[in-house]
Amino acid sequence: MISPKSLSTSALVICIAALAFSGSSGFTARSAIQSRSVFVTSGTRDASSTSLSQFGKKKEEEDLSFIETRDLTREEMIEINRRNEEVMNRELGAMTGISVLFSIPILYLCWVAFFSD
């Protein structure tokens, strides 16, 4: 049988390995924009790339011409709303189920506490 000490040690090792191999730094994960900026600026490190100079620097205008925009028709909006309502109803059902699942042990403990000899 596995001892509790070795089980907790192996769980700790697995957690540390998962954090080490994940793409996060601390408690925050890098976004795609931050990752791109690291690759772009990694070769050009000078005095103007410090964190203090970031406040006065103007942002480059991002090219958004690849995005197509148009107004949705009434039918498309109704379809999107129907799908969103279905998703919300599923999420509500799942949250209710989890809530009931978590409350069963609490109700059992209350039953035992009040009605036991």
PDB file of N, CA and C in Angstrom:
ATOM      1  N   MET A   1       0.832  -1.174   0.000  1.00  0.00           N
ATOM      2  CA  MET A   1       0.000   0.000   0.000  1.00  0.00           C
ATOM      3  C   MET A   1       0.882   1.245   0.000  1.00  0.00           C
ATOM      4  N   ILE A   2       0.450   2.278  -0.690  1.00  0.00           N
ATOM      5  CA  ILE A   2       1.217   3.515  -0.809  1.00  0.00           C
ATOM      6  C   ILE A   2       1.012   4.347   0.455  1.00  0.00           C
ATOM      7  N   SER A   3       2.117   4.832   0.996  1.00  0.00           N
ATOM      8  CA  SER A   3       2.004   5.642   2.216  1.00  0.00           C
ATOM      9  C   SER A   3       1.541   7.057   1.863  1.00  0.00           C
ATOM     10  N   PRO A   4       0.856   7.732   2.775  1.00  0.00           N
ATOM     11  CA  PRO A   4       0.365   9.083   2.507  1.00  0.00           C
ATOM     12  C   PRO A   4       1.503  10.070   2.239  1.00  0.00           C
ATOM     13  N   LYS A   5       2.654   9.852   2.880  1.00  0.00           N
ATOM     14  CA  LYS A   5       3.781  10.764   2.681  1.00  0.00           C
ATOM     15  C   LYS A   5       4.316  10.674   1.257  1.00  0.00           C
ATOM     16  N   SER A   6       4.464   9.443   0.743  1.00  0.00           N
ATOM     17  CA  SER A   6       4.975   9.304  -0.621  1.00  0.00           C
ATOM     18  C   SER A   6       3.951   9.772  -1.644  1.00  0.00           C
ATOM     19  N   LEU A   7       2.660   9.612  -1.333  1.00  0.00           N
ATOM     20  CA  LEU A   7       1.610  10.075  -2.227  1.00  0.00           C
ATOM     21  C   LEU A   7       1.613  11.600  -2.318  1.00  0.00           C
ATOM     22  N   SER A   8       1.728  12.277  -1.175  1.00  0.00           N
ATOM     23  CA  SER A   8       1.750  13.741  -1.199  1.00  0.00           C
ATOM     24  C   SER A   8       3.027  14.255  -1.850  1.00  0.00           C
ATOM     25  N   THR A   9       4.137  13.566  -1.654  1.00  0.00           N
ATOM     26  CA  THR A   9       5.391  13.974  -2.285  1.00  0.00           C
ATOM     27  C   THR A   9       5.300  13.839  -3.799  1.00  0.00           C
ATOM     28  N   SER A  10       4.734  12.754  -4.274  1.00  0.00           N
ATOM     29  CA  SER A  10       4.613  12.570  -5.720  1.00  0.00           C
ATOM     30  C   SER A  10       3.639  13.580  -6.315  1.00  0.00           C
ATOM     31  N   ALA A  11       2.574  13.924  -5.597  1.00  0.00           N
ATOM     32  CA  ALA A  11       1.643  14.947  -6.077  1.00  0.00           C
ATOM     33  C   ALA A  11       2.332  16.296  -6.170  1.00  0.00           C
ATOM     34  N   LEU A  12       3.173  16.623  -5.192  1.00  0.00           N
ATOM     35  CA  LEU A  12       3.925  17.878  -5.205  1.00  0.00           C
ATOM     36  C   LEU A  12       4.900  17.919  -6.382  1.00  0.00           C
ATOM     37  N   VAL A  13       5.576  16.810  -6.638  1.00  0.00           N
ATOM     38  CA  VAL A  13       6.514  16.746  -7.760  1.00  0.00           C
ATOM     39  C   VAL A  13       5.783  16.926  -9.087  1.00  0.00           C
ATOM     40  N   ILE A  14       4.614  16.315  -9.221  1.00  0.00           N
ATOM     41  CA  ILE A  14       3.836  16.441 -10.455  1.00  0.00           C
ATOM     42  C   ILE A  14       3.386  17.878 -10.660  1.00  0.00           C
ATOM     43  N   CYS A  15       2.936  18.547  -9.589  1.00  0.00           N
ATOM     44  CA  CYS A  15       2.510  19.947  -9.693  1.00  0.00           C
ATOM     45  C   CYS A  15       3.670  20.852 -10.087  1.00  0.00           C
ATOM     46  N   ILE A  16       4.834  20.644  -9.492  1.00  0.00           N
ATOM     47  CA  ILE A  16       5.993  21.460  -9.823  1.00  0.00           C
ATOM     48  C   ILE A  16       6.408  21.224 -11.270  1.00  0.00           C
ATOM     49  N   ALA A  17       6.378  19.977 -11.723  1.00  0.00           N
ATOM     50  CA  ALA A  17       6.734  19.681 -13.106  1.00  0.00           C
ATOM     51  C   ALA A  17       5.743  20.316 -14.070  1.00  0.00           C
ATOM     52  N   ALA A  18       4.454  20.292 -13.728  1.00  0.00           N
ATOM     53  CA  ALA A  18       3.447  20.905 -14.590  1.00  0.00           C
ATOM     54  C   ALA A  18       3.655  22.400 -14.686  1.00  0.00           C
ATOM     55  N   LEU A  19       3.989  23.045 -13.578  1.00  0.00           N
ATOM     56  CA  LEU A  19       4.252  24.485 -13.606  1.00  0.00           C
ATOM     57  C   LEU A  19       5.526  24.800 -14.383  1.00  0.00           C
ATOM     58  N   ALA A  20       6.528  23.944 -14.267  1.00  0.00           N
ATOM     59  CA  ALA A  20       7.791  24.203 -14.957  1.00  0.00           C
ATOM     60  C   ALA A  20       7.644  24.075 -16.472  1.00  0.00           C
ATOM     61  N   PHE A  21       6.841  23.120 -16.926  1.00  0.00           N
ATOM     62  CA  PHE A  21       6.706  22.899 -18.352  1.00  0.00           C
ATOM     63  C   PHE A  21       5.607  23.723 -19.005  1.00  0.00           C
ATOM     64  N   SER A  22       4.751  24.343 -18.203  1.00  0.00           N
ATOM     65  CA  SER A  22       3.707  25.174 -18.795  1.00  0.00           C
ATOM     66  C   SER A  22       4.310  26.490 -19.257  1.00  0.00           C
ATOM     67  N   GLY A  23       3.587  27.181 -20.110  1.00  0.00           N
ATOM     68  CA  GLY A  23       4.088  28.438 -20.646  1.00  0.00           C
ATOM     69  C   GLY A  23       3.778  29.620 -19.770  1.00  0.00           C
ATOM     70  N   SER A  24       3.572  29.412 -18.491  1.00  0.00           N
ATOM     71  CA  SER A  24       3.202  30.532 -17.629  1.00  0.00           C
ATOM     72  C   SER A  24       4.403  31.009 -16.843  1.00  0.00           C
ATOM     73  N   SER A  25       4.314  32.248 -16.421  1.00  0.00           N
ATOM     74  CA  SER A  25       5.341  32.801 -15.569  1.00  0.00           C
ATOM     75  C   SER A  25       4.644  33.247 -14.294  1.00  0.00           C
ATOM     76  N   GLY A  26       4.869  32.562 -13.202  1.00  0.00           N
ATOM     77  CA  GLY A  26       4.172  32.860 -11.964  1.00  0.00           C
ATOM     78  C   GLY A  26       2.738  32.381 -12.046  1.00  0.00           C
ATOM     79  N   PHE A  27       1.815  33.290 -11.768  1.00  0.00           N
ATOM     80  CA  PHE A  27       0.410  32.927 -11.799  1.00  0.00           C
ATOM     81  C   PHE A  27      -0.281  33.395 -13.071  1.00  0.00           C
ATOM     82  N   THR A  28       0.433  34.015 -13.984  1.00  0.00           N
ATOM     83  CA  THR A  28      -0.200  34.532 -15.196  1.00  0.00           C
ATOM     84  C   THR A  28       0.384  33.847 -16.408  1.00  0.00           C
ATOM     85  N   ALA A  29      -0.456  33.554 -17.374  1.00  0.00           N
ATOM     86  CA  ALA A  29      -0.012  32.951 -18.628  1.00  0.00           C
ATOM     87  C   ALA A  29       0.232  34.049 -19.647  1.00  0.00           C
ATOM     88  N   ARG A  30       1.181  33.829 -20.528  1.00  0.00           N
ATOM     89  CA  ARG A  30       1.455  34.810 -21.563  1.00  0.00           C
ATOM     90  C   ARG A  30       0.397  34.744 -22.639  1.00  0.00           C
ATOM     91  N   SER A  31      -0.025  35.898 -23.090  1.00  0.00           N
ATOM     92  CA  SER A  31      -0.961  35.930 -24.208  1.00  0.00           C
ATOM     93  C   SER A  31      -0.173  35.865 -25.504  1.00  0.00           C
ATOM     94  N   ALA A  32      -0.885  35.713 -26.611  1.00  0.00           N
ATOM     95  CA  ALA A  32      -0.225  35.627 -27.912  1.00  0.00           C
ATOM     96  C   ALA A  32       0.485  36.934 -28.241  1.00  0.00           C
ATOM     97  N   ILE A  33      -0.086  38.053 -27.835  1.00  0.00           N
ATOM     98  CA  ILE A  33       0.524  39.351 -28.121  1.00  0.00           C
ATOM     99  C   ILE A  33       1.814  39.497 -27.340  1.00  0.00           C
ATOM    100  N   GLN A  34       1.814  39.107 -26.066  1.00  0.00           N
ATOM    101  CA  GLN A  34       3.025  39.205 -25.274  1.00  0.00           C
ATOM    102  C   GLN A  34       4.102  38.274 -25.817  1.00  0.00           C
ATOM    103  N   SER A  35       3.717  37.076 -26.252  1.00  0.00           N
ATOM    104  CA  SER A  35       4.699  36.141 -26.790  1.00  0.00           C
ATOM    105  C   SER A  35       5.323  36.686 -28.063  1.00  0.00           C
ATOM    106  N   ARG A  36       4.493  37.301 -28.933  1.00  0.00           N
ATOM    107  CA  ARG A  36       5.035  37.889 -30.158  1.00  0.00           C
ATOM    108  C   ARG A  36       5.989  39.023 -29.843  1.00  0.00           C
ATOM    109  N   SER A  37       5.638  39.852 -28.863  1.00  0.00           N
ATOM    110  CA  SER A  37       6.489  40.990 -28.554  1.00  0.00           C
ATOM    111  C   SER A  37       7.816  40.532 -27.972  1.00  0.00           C
ATOM    112  N   VAL A  38       7.827  39.404 -27.261  1.00  0.00           N
ATOM    113  CA  VAL A  38       9.080  38.881 -26.733  1.00  0.00           C
ATOM    114  C   VAL A  38       9.980  38.451 -27.879  1.00  0.00           C
ATOM    115  N   PHE A  39       9.404  37.782 -28.896  1.00  0.00           N
ATOM    116  CA  PHE A  39      10.213  37.346 -30.021  1.00  0.00           C
ATOM    117  C   PHE A  39      10.695  38.523 -30.850  1.00  0.00           C
ATOM    118  N   VAL A  40       9.881  39.545 -30.992  1.00  0.00           N
ATOM    119  CA  VAL A  40      10.259  40.696 -31.807  1.00  0.00           C
ATOM    120  C   VAL A  40      11.337  41.505 -31.124  1.00  0.00           C
ATOM    121  N   THR A  41      11.215  41.717 -29.807  1.00  0.00           N
ATOM    122  CA  THR A  41      12.159  42.588 -29.124  1.00  0.00           C
ATOM    123  C   THR A  41      13.326  41.847 -28.501  1.00  0.00           C
ATOM    124  N   SER A  42      13.382  40.520 -28.629  1.00  0.00           N
ATOM    125  CA  SER A  42      14.448  39.787 -27.958  1.00  0.00           C
ATOM    126  C   SER A  42      15.817  40.098 -28.551  1.00  0.00           C
ATOM    127  N   GLY A  43      15.900  40.409 -29.823  1.00  0.00           N
ATOM    128  CA  GLY A  43      17.182  40.703 -30.437  1.00  0.00           C
ATOM    129  C   GLY A  43      17.614  42.137 -30.243  1.00  0.00           C
ATOM    130  N   THR A  44      16.712  43.041 -29.985  1.00  0.00           N
ATOM    131  CA  THR A  44      17.054  44.455 -29.872  1.00  0.00           C
ATOM    132  C   THR A  44      16.845  44.923 -28.447  1.00  0.00           C
ATOM    133  N   ARG A  45      17.837  44.699 -27.592  1.00  0.00           N
ATOM    134  CA  ARG A  45      17.778  45.145 -26.203  1.00  0.00           C
ATOM    135  C   ARG A  45      18.661  46.381 -26.076  1.00  0.00           C
ATOM    136  N   ASP A  46      18.056  47.510 -25.769  1.00  0.00           N
ATOM    137  CA  ASP A  46      18.834  48.712 -25.517  1.00  0.00           C
ATOM    138  C   ASP A  46      18.220  49.457 -24.349  1.00  0.00           C
ATOM    139  N   ALA A  47      18.718  50.650 -24.075  1.00  0.00           N
ATOM    140  CA  ALA A  47      18.266  51.406 -22.908  1.00  0.00           C
ATOM    141  C   ALA A  47      16.827  51.877 -23.065  1.00  0.00           C
ATOM    142  N   SER A  48      16.326  52.018 -24.292  1.00  0.00           N
ATOM    143  CA  SER A  48      14.963  52.511 -24.482  1.00  0.00           C
ATOM    144  C   SER A  48      13.911  51.425 -24.321  1.00  0.00           C
ATOM    145  N   SER A  49      14.309  50.174 -24.111  1.00  0.00           N
ATOM    146  CA  SER A  49      13.332  49.100 -23.969  1.00  0.00           C
ATOM    147  C   SER A  49      13.071  48.750 -22.508  1.00  0.00           C
ATOM    148  N   THR A  50      13.424  49.645 -21.593  1.00  0.00           N
ATOM    149  CA  THR A  50      13.135  49.379 -20.190  1.00  0.00           C
ATOM    150  C   THR A  50      11.660  49.601 -19.923  1.00  0.00           C
ATOM    151  N   SER A  51      11.220  49.142 -18.767  1.00  0.00           N
ATOM    152  CA  SER A  51       9.800  49.261 -18.456  1.00  0.00           C
ATOM    153  C   SER A  51       9.390  50.710 -18.222  1.00  0.00           C
ATOM    154  N   LEU A  52      10.314  51.576 -17.803  1.00  0.00           N
ATOM    155  CA  LEU A  52       9.956  52.972 -17.553  1.00  0.00           C
ATOM    156  C   LEU A  52       9.704  53.734 -18.844  1.00  0.00           C
ATOM    157  N   SER A  53      10.375  53.348 -19.925  1.00  0.00           N
ATOM    158  CA  SER A  53      10.182  54.077 -21.181  1.00  0.00           C
ATOM    159  C   SER A  53       8.925  53.633 -21.916  1.00  0.00           C
ATOM    160  N   GLN A  54       8.253  52.614 -21.426  1.00  0.00           N
ATOM    161  CA  GLN A  54       7.053  52.124 -22.102  1.00  0.00           C
ATOM    162  C   GLN A  54       5.895  53.104 -21.983  1.00  0.00           C
ATOM    163  N   PHE A  55       5.903  53.952 -20.952  1.00  0.00           N
ATOM    164  CA  PHE A  55       4.783  54.852 -20.731  1.00  0.00           C
ATOM    165  C   PHE A  55       4.753  55.985 -21.738  1.00  0.00           C
ATOM    166  N   GLY A  56       5.901  56.466 -22.153  1.00  0.00           N
ATOM    167  CA  GLY A  56       5.937  57.590 -23.081  1.00  0.00           C
ATOM    168  C   GLY A  56       5.919  57.173 -24.536  1.00  0.00           C
ATOM    169  N   LYS A  57       6.067  55.890 -24.810  1.00  0.00           N
ATOM    170  CA  LYS A  57       6.173  55.416 -26.189  1.00  0.00           C
ATOM    171  C   LYS A  57       4.791  55.335 -26.831  1.00  0.00           C
ATOM    172  N   LYS A  58       4.686  55.778 -28.077  1.00  0.00           N
ATOM    173  CA  LYS A  58       3.418  55.677 -28.797  1.00  0.00           C
ATOM    174  C   LYS A  58       3.263  54.259 -29.337  1.00  0.00           C
ATOM    175  N   LYS A  59       2.040  53.768 -29.274  1.00  0.00           N
ATOM    176  CA  LYS A  59       1.773  52.428 -29.805  1.00  0.00           C
ATOM    177  C   LYS A  59       1.714  52.483 -31.322  1.00  0.00           C
ATOM    178  N   GLU A  60       2.213  51.403 -31.920  1.00  0.00           N
ATOM    179  CA  GLU A  60       2.112  51.298 -33.369  1.00  0.00           C
ATOM    180  C   GLU A  60       0.671  50.980 -33.735  1.00  0.00           C
ATOM    181  N   GLU A  61       0.204  51.543 -34.821  1.00  0.00           N
ATOM    182  CA  GLU A  61      -1.174  51.302 -35.260  1.00  0.00           C
ATOM    183  C   GLU A  61      -1.277  49.877 -35.805  1.00  0.00           C
ATOM    184  N   GLU A  62      -2.206  49.115 -35.260  1.00  0.00           N
ATOM    185  CA  GLU A  62      -2.364  47.721 -35.672  1.00  0.00           C
ATOM    186  C   GLU A  62      -3.239  47.656 -36.918  1.00  0.00           C
ATOM    187  N   ASP A  63      -2.819  46.827 -37.876  1.00  0.00           N
ATOM    188  CA  ASP A  63      -3.555  46.688 -39.124  1.00  0.00           C
ATOM    189  C   ASP A  63      -4.688  45.685 -38.936  1.00  0.00           C
ATOM    190  N   LEU A  64      -5.927  46.167 -39.008  1.00  0.00           N
ATOM    191  CA  LEU A  64      -7.100  45.309 -38.836  1.00  0.00           C
ATOM    192  C   LEU A  64      -7.878  45.156 -40.137  1.00  0.00           C
ATOM    193  N   SER A  65      -7.238  45.393 -41.263  1.00  0.00           N
ATOM    194  CA  SER A  65      -7.943  45.350 -42.538  1.00  0.00           C
ATOM    195  C   SER A  65      -8.374  43.934 -42.927  1.00  0.00           C
ATOM    196  N   PHE A  66      -7.776  42.912 -42.306  1.00  0.00           N
ATOM    197  CA  PHE A  66      -8.141  41.540 -42.652  1.00  0.00           C
ATOM    198  C   PHE A  66      -9.488  41.138 -42.051  1.00  0.00           C
ATOM    199  N   ILE A  67     -10.028  41.922 -41.124  1.00  0.00           N
ATOM    200  CA  ILE A  67     -11.299  41.604 -40.488  1.00  0.00           C
ATOM    201  C   ILE A  67     -12.442  42.118 -41.355  1.00  0.00           C
ATOM    202  N   GLU A  68     -13.343  41.216 -41.700  1.00  0.00           N
ATOM    203  CA  GLU A  68     -14.514  41.621 -42.475  1.00  0.00           C
ATOM    204  C   GLU A  68     -15.623  42.008 -41.515  1.00  0.00           C
ATOM    205  N   THR A  69     -16.242  43.140 -41.754  1.00  0.00           N
ATOM    206  CA  THR A  69     -17.342  43.576 -40.890  1.00  0.00           C
ATOM    207  C   THR A  69     -18.589  43.774 -41.734  1.00  0.00           C
ATOM    208  N   ARG A  70     -19.705  43.395 -41.153  1.00  0.00           N
ATOM    209  CA  ARG A  70     -21.000  43.630 -41.786  1.00  0.00           C
ATOM    210  C   ARG A  70     -22.061  43.493 -40.711  1.00  0.00           C
ATOM    211  N   ASP A  71     -23.235  44.029 -40.952  1.00  0.00           N
ATOM    212  CA  ASP A  71     -24.335  43.894 -40.016  1.00  0.00           C
ATOM    213  C   ASP A  71     -24.965  42.515 -40.156  1.00  0.00           C
ATOM    214  N   LEU A  72     -25.373  41.956 -39.024  1.00  0.00           N
ATOM    215  CA  LEU A  72     -26.045  40.658 -39.047  1.00  0.00           C
ATOM    216  C   LEU A  72     -27.506  40.841 -39.431  1.00  0.00           C
ATOM    217  N   THR A  73     -28.028  39.857 -40.117  1.00  0.00           N
ATOM    218  CA  THR A  73     -29.452  39.898 -40.431  1.00  0.00           C
ATOM    219  C   THR A  73     -30.241  39.472 -39.194  1.00  0.00           C
ATOM    220  N   ARG A  74     -31.531  39.719 -39.217  1.00  0.00           N
ATOM    221  CA  ARG A  74     -32.396  39.365 -38.085  1.00  0.00           C
ATOM    222  C   ARG A  74     -32.356  37.867 -37.823  1.00  0.00           C
ATOM    223  N   GLU A  75     -32.360  37.062 -38.886  1.00  0.00           N
ATOM    224  CA  GLU A  75     -32.346  35.612 -38.725  1.00  0.00           C
ATOM    225  C   GLU A  75     -31.035  35.135 -38.094  1.00  0.00           C
ATOM    226  N   GLU A  76     -29.919  35.729 -38.511  1.00  0.00           N
ATOM    227  CA  GLU A  76     -28.631  35.352 -37.931  1.00  0.00           C
ATOM    228  C   GLU A  76     -28.575  35.708 -36.444  1.00  0.00           C
ATOM    229  N   MET A  77     -29.105  36.864 -36.095  1.00  0.00           N
ATOM    230  CA  MET A  77     -29.115  37.264 -34.686  1.00  0.00           C
ATOM    231  C   MET A  77     -30.014  36.346 -33.862  1.00  0.00           C
ATOM    232  N   ILE A  78     -31.153  35.961 -34.411  1.00  0.00           N
ATOM    233  CA  ILE A  78     -32.052  35.051 -33.704  1.00  0.00           C
ATOM    234  C   ILE A  78     -31.382  33.691 -33.507  1.00  0.00           C
ATOM    235  N   GLU A  79     -30.672  33.214 -34.523  1.00  0.00           N
ATOM    236  CA  GLU A  79     -29.968  31.935 -34.420  1.00  0.00           C
ATOM    237  C   GLU A  79     -28.867  32.003 -33.356  1.00  0.00           C
ATOM    238  N   ILE A  80     -28.105  33.079 -33.342  1.00  0.00           N
ATOM    239  CA  ILE A  80     -27.042  33.241 -32.342  1.00  0.00           C
ATOM    240  C   ILE A  80     -27.648  33.304 -30.946  1.00  0.00           C
ATOM    241  N   ASN A  81     -28.734  34.048 -30.789  1.00  0.00           N
ATOM    242  CA  ASN A  81     -29.390  34.134 -29.488  1.00  0.00           C
ATOM    243  C   ASN A  81     -29.934  32.784 -29.039  1.00  0.00           C
ATOM    244  N   ARG A  82     -30.463  31.986 -29.984  1.00  0.00           N
ATOM    245  CA  ARG A  82     -30.986  30.664 -29.642  1.00  0.00           C
ATOM    246  C   ARG A  82     -29.850  29.758 -29.146  1.00  0.00           C
ATOM    247  N   ARG A  83     -28.707  29.785 -29.854  1.00  0.00           N
ATOM    248  CA  ARG A  83     -27.570  28.965 -29.432  1.00  0.00           C
ATOM    249  C   ARG A  83     -27.037  29.418 -28.077  1.00  0.00           C
ATOM    250  N   ASN A  84     -26.968  30.736 -27.874  1.00  0.00           N
ATOM    251  CA  ASN A  84     -26.494  31.243 -26.582  1.00  0.00           C
ATOM    252  C   ASN A  84     -27.433  30.844 -25.453  1.00  0.00           C
ATOM    253  N   GLU A  85     -28.726  30.862 -25.717  1.00  0.00           N
ATOM    254  CA  GLU A  85     -29.689  30.467 -24.693  1.00  0.00           C
ATOM    255  C   GLU A  85     -29.545  28.989 -24.364  1.00  0.00           C
ATOM    256  N   GLU A  86     -29.303  28.157 -25.371  1.00  0.00           N
ATOM    257  CA  GLU A  86     -29.094  26.728 -25.117  1.00  0.00           C
ATOM    258  C   GLU A  86     -27.850  26.505 -24.265  1.00  0.00           C
ATOM    259  N   VAL A  87     -26.777  27.223 -24.587  1.00  0.00           N
ATOM    260  CA  VAL A  87     -25.536  27.087 -23.820  1.00  0.00           C
ATOM    261  C   VAL A  87     -25.759  27.535 -22.377  1.00  0.00           C
ATOM    262  N   MET A  88     -26.453  28.661 -22.201  1.00  0.00           N
ATOM    263  CA  MET A  88     -26.704  29.154 -20.851  1.00  0.00           C
ATOM    264  C   MET A  88     -27.570  28.182 -20.055  1.00  0.00           C
ATOM    265  N   ASN A  89     -28.552  27.568 -20.693  1.00  0.00           N
ATOM    266  CA  ASN A  89     -29.392  26.591 -20.001  1.00  0.00           C
ATOM    267  C   ASN A  89     -28.601  25.351 -19.601  1.00  0.00           C
ATOM    268  N   ARG A  90     -27.699  24.895 -20.480  1.00  0.00           N
ATOM    269  CA  ARG A  90     -26.840  23.758 -20.123  1.00  0.00           C
ATOM    270  C   ARG A  90     -25.935  24.112 -18.955  1.00  0.00           C
ATOM    271  N   GLU A  91     -25.341  25.332 -18.990  1.00  0.00           N
ATOM    272  CA  GLU A  91     -24.470  25.752 -17.897  1.00  0.00           C
ATOM    273  C   GLU A  91     -25.251  25.855 -16.594  1.00  0.00           C
ATOM    274  N   LEU A  92     -26.466  26.370 -16.648  1.00  0.00           N
ATOM    275  CA  LEU A  92     -27.296  26.477 -15.450  1.00  0.00           C
ATOM    276  C   LEU A  92     -27.618  25.099 -14.892  1.00  0.00           C
ATOM    277  N   GLY A  93     -27.936  24.149 -15.767  1.00  0.00           N
ATOM    278  CA  GLY A  93     -28.185  22.785 -15.321  1.00  0.00           C
ATOM    279  C   GLY A  93     -26.956  22.156 -14.689  1.00  0.00           C
ATOM    280  N   ALA A  94     -25.797  22.387 -15.294  1.00  0.00           N
ATOM    281  CA  ALA A  94     -24.558  21.832 -14.746  1.00  0.00           C
ATOM    282  C   ALA A  94     -24.235  22.451 -13.386  1.00  0.00           C
ATOM    283  N   MET A  95     -24.417  23.765 -13.264  1.00  0.00           N
ATOM    284  CA  MET A  95     -24.145  24.417 -11.983  1.00  0.00           C
ATOM    285  C   MET A  95     -25.111  23.937 -10.910  1.00  0.00           C
ATOM    286  N   THR A  96     -26.367  23.723 -11.272  1.00  0.00           N
ATOM    287  CA  THR A  96     -27.342  23.217 -10.313  1.00  0.00           C
ATOM    288  C   THR A  96     -26.973  21.808  -9.878  1.00  0.00           C
ATOM    289  N   GLY A  97     -26.571  20.978 -10.829  1.00  0.00           N
ATOM    290  CA  GLY A  97     -26.165  19.609 -10.497  1.00  0.00           C
ATOM    291  C   GLY A  97     -24.960  19.570  -9.580  1.00  0.00           C
ATOM    292  N   ILE A  98     -23.961  20.382  -9.859  1.00  0.00           N
ATOM    293  CA  ILE A  98     -22.764  20.438  -9.014  1.00  0.00           C
ATOM    294  C   ILE A  98     -23.135  20.941  -7.626  1.00  0.00           C
ATOM    295  N   SER A  99     -24.016  21.943  -7.558  1.00  0.00           N
ATOM    296  CA  SER A  99     -24.439  22.480  -6.267  1.00  0.00           C
ATOM    297  C   SER A  99     -25.144  21.411  -5.437  1.00  0.00           C
ATOM    298  N   VAL A 100     -26.035  20.654  -6.063  1.00  0.00           N
ATOM    299  CA  VAL A 100     -26.729  19.574  -5.351  1.00  0.00           C
ATOM    300  C   VAL A 100     -25.728  18.505  -4.929  1.00  0.00           C
ATOM    301  N   LEU A 101     -24.799  18.168  -5.802  1.00  0.00           N
ATOM    302  CA  LEU A 101     -23.796  17.159  -5.492  1.00  0.00           C
ATOM    303  C   LEU A 101     -22.952  17.569  -4.291  1.00  0.00           C
ATOM    304  N   PHE A 102     -22.569  18.842  -4.228  1.00  0.00           N
ATOM    305  CA  PHE A 102     -21.760  19.310  -3.098  1.00  0.00           C
ATOM    306  C   PHE A 102     -22.582  19.456  -1.820  1.00  0.00           C
ATOM    307  N   SER A 103     -23.874  19.685  -1.935  1.00  0.00           N
ATOM    308  CA  SER A 103     -24.678  19.888  -0.731  1.00  0.00           C
ATOM    309  C   SER A 103     -25.126  18.576  -0.091  1.00  0.00           C
ATOM    310  N   ILE A 104     -25.087  17.469  -0.811  1.00  0.00           N
ATOM    311  CA  ILE A 104     -25.509  16.178  -0.246  1.00  0.00           C
ATOM    312  C   ILE A 104     -24.669  15.790   0.977  1.00  0.00           C
ATOM    313  N   PRO A 105     -23.325  15.864   0.919  1.00  0.00           N
ATOM    314  CA  PRO A 105     -22.564  15.521   2.142  1.00  0.00           C
ATOM    315  C   PRO A 105     -22.861  16.467   3.309  1.00  0.00           C
ATOM    316  N   ILE A 106     -23.071  17.728   3.022  1.00  0.00           N
ATOM    317  CA  ILE A 106     -23.376  18.689   4.087  1.00  0.00           C
ATOM    318  C   ILE A 106     -24.719  18.350   4.726  1.00  0.00           C
ATOM    319  N   LEU A 107     -25.715  18.037   3.904  1.00  0.00           N
ATOM    320  CA  LEU A 107     -27.022  17.656   4.440  1.00  0.00           C
ATOM    321  C   LEU A 107     -26.935  16.367   5.257  1.00  0.00           C
ATOM    322  N   TYR A 108     -26.117  15.437   4.809  1.00  0.00           N
ATOM    323  CA  TYR A 108     -25.924  14.195   5.565  1.00  0.00           C
ATOM    324  C   TYR A 108     -25.304  14.482   6.927  1.00  0.00           C
ATOM    325  N   LEU A 109     -24.286  15.346   6.951  1.00  0.00           N
ATOM    326  CA  LEU A 109     -23.648  15.679   8.221  1.00  0.00           C
ATOM    327  C   LEU A 109     -24.615  16.390   9.164  1.00  0.00           C
ATOM    328  N   CYS A 110     -25.453  17.260   8.617  1.00  0.00           N
ATOM    329  CA  CYS A 110     -26.474  17.912   9.449  1.00  0.00           C
ATOM    330  C   CYS A 110     -27.466  16.889   9.999  1.00  0.00           C
ATOM    331  N   TRP A 111     -27.870  15.948   9.171  1.00  0.00           N
ATOM    332  CA  TRP A 111     -28.790  14.895   9.600  1.00  0.00           C
ATOM    333  C   TRP A 111     -28.182  14.086  10.740  1.00  0.00           C
ATOM    334  N   VAL A 112     -26.922  13.708  10.565  1.00  0.00           N
ATOM    335  CA  VAL A 112     -26.250  12.923  11.591  1.00  0.00           C
ATOM    336  C   VAL A 112     -26.087  13.731  12.877  1.00  0.00           C
ATOM    337  N   ALA A 113     -25.762  15.018  12.734  1.00  0.00           N
ATOM    338  CA  ALA A 113     -25.543  15.846  13.912  1.00  0.00           C
ATOM    339  C   ALA A 113     -26.819  16.049  14.712  1.00  0.00           C
ATOM    340  N   PHE A 114     -27.943  16.234  14.054  1.00  0.00           N
ATOM    341  CA  PHE A 114     -29.168  16.558  14.769  1.00  0.00           C
ATOM    342  C   PHE A 114     -29.989  15.348  15.183  1.00  0.00           C
ATOM    343  N   PHE A 115     -29.885  14.245  14.455  1.00  0.00           N
ATOM    344  CA  PHE A 115     -30.769  13.129  14.717  1.00  0.00           C
ATOM    345  C   PHE A 115     -30.055  11.862  15.224  1.00  0.00           C
ATOM    346  N   SER A 116     -28.792  11.972  15.559  1.00  0.00           N
ATOM    347  CA  SER A 116     -28.104  10.806  16.100  1.00  0.00           C
ATOM    348  C   SER A 116     -28.244  10.787  17.612  1.00  0.00           C
ATOM    349  N   ASP A 117     -28.061   9.617  18.179  1.00  0.00           N
ATOM    350  CA  ASP A 117     -28.211   9.492  19.649  1.00  0.00           C
ATOM    351  C   ASP A 117     -26.974   9.914  20.341  1.00  0.00           C
TER     352      ASP A 117
END
